[in-house]
């Protein structure tokens, strides 16, 4: 469900950052807040080509990355847009992510998990899960629910309309039907730009719920 108006950080809500580290690709980081009534709101997302986890960690805390001044004007606008929704000294209640993250980054030569631990960011992860289970868990959050008291269908999951890349990822996420698109005989999603954002959301779903 796409919210009618942009969603902004609410300090009264429970907060989570969920990450996908990517495979030879940039990480995807998504900001989520959960209301006291259980409404799940995706209000921010960022990823940038050719940047590794050390670029993202300051942003996860509400600060511009040290490489900011060397970015292109377009990439500066991307960072500025994301930073508008992240308060300084931000600290999430939960950090969710991939069970892996042990591969060394290209720049710092240490793993994503090690880089996060150095900044007191500890991931909550349930271990390796099949793609079909990850998809099922996220799909359960997306399903409409019926309220007898209100006599209407409603969604507990909503995305801010300015999170256009998240919305596009939902519309372009698809299973890989090629002969190489299986793991142990089970289907897997296509590995492309949309799969990183969707994987991050799946990690939220399987680790939170």
Protein backbone atom coordinates (compact mmCIF):
# COMPACT_ATOMS: atom_id res chain seq x y z
CA UNK A 1 0.00 0.00 0.00
CA UNK A 2 1.37 3.43 -0.97
CA UNK A 3 0.56 6.12 1.58
CA UNK A 4 -1.33 9.17 0.37
CA UNK A 5 1.25 11.57 1.85
CA UNK A 6 4.98 11.31 2.56
CA UNK A 7 5.83 9.50 5.79
CA UNK A 8 8.38 11.07 8.14
CA UNK A 9 10.31 9.91 11.16
CA UNK A 10 8.14 9.68 14.26
CA UNK A 11 10.16 9.50 17.51
CA UNK A 12 7.18 7.91 19.31
CA UNK A 13 7.29 4.82 17.09
CA UNK A 14 9.49 1.75 17.21
CA UNK A 15 12.28 1.94 14.63
CA UNK A 16 14.21 -0.55 12.53
CA UNK A 17 16.86 -0.43 9.84
CA UNK A 18 16.99 -3.44 7.56
CA UNK A 19 19.89 -4.15 5.22
CA UNK A 20 20.90 -6.28 2.30
CA UNK A 21 24.66 -6.28 1.78
CA UNK A 22 24.48 -7.17 -1.90
CA UNK A 23 26.70 -9.50 -3.92
CA UNK A 24 29.27 -7.40 -5.79
CA UNK A 25 26.69 -4.63 -5.51
CA UNK A 26 26.05 -1.76 -3.10
CA UNK A 27 24.14 -2.44 0.12
CA UNK A 28 20.51 -1.42 0.41
CA UNK A 29 19.35 0.20 3.66
CA UNK A 30 15.67 0.74 4.45
CA UNK A 31 14.18 2.73 7.32
CA UNK A 32 11.00 1.33 8.88
CA UNK A 33 8.90 2.48 11.80
CA UNK A 34 6.17 0.52 13.57
CA UNK A 35 3.29 2.31 15.27
CA UNK A 36 1.84 1.24 18.60
CA UNK A 37 -1.09 -0.17 16.60
CA UNK A 38 1.25 -2.35 14.54
CA UNK A 39 1.27 -0.32 11.33
CA UNK A 40 4.51 -0.85 9.42
CA UNK A 41 5.74 2.25 7.59
CA UNK A 42 8.62 2.28 5.10
CA UNK A 43 9.68 5.92 5.08
CA UNK A 44 13.24 5.99 3.75
CA UNK A 45 15.61 3.93 1.61
CA UNK A 46 19.07 4.46 0.23
CA UNK A 47 21.64 2.68 -1.88
CA UNK A 48 24.32 4.04 -4.16
CA UNK A 49 26.44 2.39 -6.81
CA UNK A 50 30.17 1.89 -6.10
CA UNK A 51 29.83 2.55 -2.35
CA UNK A 52 30.38 -0.01 0.39
CA UNK A 53 29.16 -0.29 3.97
CA UNK A 54 31.51 2.41 5.33
CA UNK A 55 29.71 4.95 3.16
CA UNK A 56 26.36 4.00 4.68
CA UNK A 57 27.23 3.80 8.37
CA UNK A 58 27.33 7.60 8.96
CA UNK A 59 23.99 7.94 7.16
CA UNK A 60 22.53 5.23 9.37
CA UNK A 61 23.39 7.50 12.32
CA UNK A 62 22.09 10.70 10.75
CA UNK A 63 25.33 12.14 9.32
CA UNK A 64 26.57 12.72 5.80
CA UNK A 65 29.31 10.32 4.66
CA UNK A 66 32.83 11.71 4.58
CA UNK A 67 32.89 11.16 0.81
CA UNK A 68 29.97 13.55 0.34
CA UNK A 69 31.95 16.46 -1.14
CA UNK A 70 33.48 14.18 -3.77
CA UNK A 71 30.13 12.90 -5.01
CA UNK A 72 28.54 13.95 -8.26
CA UNK A 73 25.72 16.53 -8.04
CA UNK A 74 23.17 13.79 -8.72
CA UNK A 75 24.54 11.56 -5.96
CA UNK A 76 24.63 14.51 -3.56
CA UNK A 77 20.93 15.04 -4.22
CA UNK A 78 20.32 11.36 -3.48
CA UNK A 79 22.12 11.65 -0.14
CA UNK A 80 20.39 14.94 0.69
CA UNK A 81 16.99 13.39 0.02
CA UNK A 82 17.72 10.47 2.35
CA UNK A 83 19.22 12.65 5.07
CA UNK A 84 16.07 14.79 5.31
CA UNK A 85 14.37 11.85 7.01
CA UNK A 86 17.15 10.76 9.35
CA UNK A 87 17.63 12.71 12.60
CA UNK A 88 21.17 13.31 13.85
CA UNK A 89 22.42 10.71 16.32
CA UNK A 90 19.79 8.32 15.03
CA UNK A 91 19.71 4.92 16.67
CA UNK A 92 17.25 2.25 15.63
CA UNK A 93 15.63 -0.12 18.10
CA UNK A 94 16.48 -3.01 15.78
CA UNK A 95 18.90 -3.69 12.95
CA UNK A 96 17.93 -6.55 10.68
CA UNK A 97 19.94 -8.07 7.88
CA UNK A 98 21.45 -10.95 6.02
CA UNK A 99 22.88 -13.86 7.98
CA UNK A 100 25.99 -13.59 5.81
CA UNK A 101 27.86 -10.32 5.45
CA UNK A 102 31.20 -11.99 6.14
CA UNK A 103 32.80 -11.17 2.79
CA UNK A 104 35.38 -8.39 2.96
CA UNK A 105 34.47 -5.02 1.50
CA UNK A 106 36.39 -3.68 -1.47
CA UNK A 107 37.70 -0.59 0.32
CA UNK A 108 38.20 -1.44 3.98
CA UNK A 109 39.15 -5.12 3.59
CA UNK A 110 36.91 -6.19 6.46
CA UNK A 111 33.44 -7.67 6.45
CA UNK A 112 30.20 -5.69 6.52
CA UNK A 113 29.30 -7.25 9.86
CA UNK A 114 32.70 -6.31 11.32
CA UNK A 115 32.32 -2.73 10.09
CA UNK A 116 28.89 -2.47 11.71
CA UNK A 117 30.09 -3.99 15.00
CA UNK A 118 32.84 -1.38 15.19
CA UNK A 119 30.08 1.25 15.33
CA UNK A 120 27.97 -0.68 17.86
CA UNK A 121 25.46 -1.81 15.26
CA UNK A 122 24.55 -5.44 15.87
CA UNK A 123 22.37 -7.23 13.34
CA UNK A 124 19.48 -9.44 14.37
CA UNK A 125 19.33 -12.39 12.00
CA UNK A 126 17.56 -15.72 12.00
CA UNK A 127 20.18 -17.49 9.92
CA UNK A 128 19.95 -18.70 6.35
CA UNK A 129 16.41 -19.00 4.96
CA UNK A 130 15.15 -20.28 1.62
CA UNK A 131 13.92 -17.67 -0.82
CA UNK A 132 10.41 -19.10 -0.85
CA UNK A 133 10.15 -18.72 2.95
CA UNK A 134 11.49 -15.17 2.79
CA UNK A 135 8.92 -14.34 0.14
CA UNK A 136 6.12 -15.95 2.18
CA UNK A 137 7.00 -13.95 5.30
CA UNK A 138 7.01 -10.65 3.43
CA UNK A 139 3.86 -11.56 1.53
CA UNK A 140 2.06 -12.14 4.85
CA UNK A 141 2.82 -8.56 5.87
CA UNK A 142 1.55 -7.21 2.56
CA UNK A 143 -1.81 -8.98 2.57
CA UNK A 144 -4.95 -6.98 3.18
CA UNK A 145 -6.80 -7.63 6.42
CA UNK A 146 -10.50 -7.25 7.13
CA UNK A 147 -11.86 -5.26 10.05
CA UNK A 148 -15.27 -6.37 11.30
CA UNK A 149 -15.65 -3.24 13.40
CA UNK A 150 -14.91 -0.90 10.49
CA UNK A 151 -16.42 -3.20 7.86
CA UNK A 152 -13.51 -2.63 5.50
CA UNK A 153 -10.24 -4.05 4.23
CA UNK A 154 -7.03 -2.42 5.37
CA UNK A 155 -3.25 -2.82 5.12
CA UNK A 156 -0.76 -2.76 7.99
CA UNK A 157 2.11 -2.15 5.53
CA UNK A 158 2.58 1.16 3.76
CA UNK A 159 5.34 2.82 1.78
CA UNK A 160 5.96 6.55 1.65
CA UNK A 161 5.20 7.81 -1.89
CA UNK A 162 8.61 9.49 -2.12
CA UNK A 163 10.35 6.10 -1.69
CA UNK A 164 10.10 5.64 -5.44
CA UNK A 165 12.88 3.07 -5.71
CA UNK A 166 11.15 0.84 -3.16
CA UNK A 167 7.89 1.12 -5.08
CA UNK A 168 9.68 0.37 -8.37
CA UNK A 169 11.38 -2.64 -6.76
CA UNK A 170 8.02 -4.10 -5.79
CA UNK A 171 6.89 -3.74 -9.39
CA UNK A 172 10.04 -5.30 -10.89
CA UNK A 173 10.86 -8.12 -8.47
CA UNK A 174 10.46 -11.46 -10.22
CA UNK A 175 11.51 -15.09 -10.08
CA UNK A 176 14.38 -16.29 -12.24
CA UNK A 177 12.91 -18.83 -14.64
CA UNK A 178 16.20 -19.60 -16.38
CA UNK A 179 17.91 -22.98 -15.98
CA UNK A 180 20.40 -21.34 -13.60
CA UNK A 181 17.68 -19.72 -11.50
CA UNK A 182 17.45 -22.42 -8.84
CA UNK A 183 19.20 -23.35 -5.59
CA UNK A 184 18.90 -27.02 -4.63
CA UNK A 185 16.01 -27.31 -7.05
CA UNK A 186 14.12 -24.33 -5.59
CA UNK A 187 13.40 -21.14 -7.49
CA UNK A 188 15.21 -17.94 -6.60
CA UNK A 189 14.58 -14.31 -7.58
CA UNK A 190 16.46 -12.63 -10.39
CA UNK A 191 19.59 -10.94 -9.08
CA UNK A 192 19.21 -7.34 -10.22
CA UNK A 193 18.73 -3.81 -8.87
CA UNK A 194 15.28 -4.65 -7.49
CA UNK A 195 16.37 -7.78 -5.61
CA UNK A 196 18.54 -5.91 -3.07
CA UNK A 197 15.74 -3.68 -1.80
CA UNK A 198 13.33 -6.59 -1.70
CA UNK A 199 15.86 -8.78 0.11
CA UNK A 200 16.25 -6.09 2.76
CA UNK A 201 12.48 -6.06 3.25
CA UNK A 202 12.43 -9.86 3.41
CA UNK A 203 15.09 -9.82 6.13
CA UNK A 204 12.88 -7.47 8.11
CA UNK A 205 9.92 -9.80 7.69
CA UNK A 206 11.65 -13.06 8.64
CA UNK A 207 13.60 -11.59 11.57
CA UNK A 208 10.86 -9.40 13.00
CA UNK A 209 7.85 -11.66 12.51
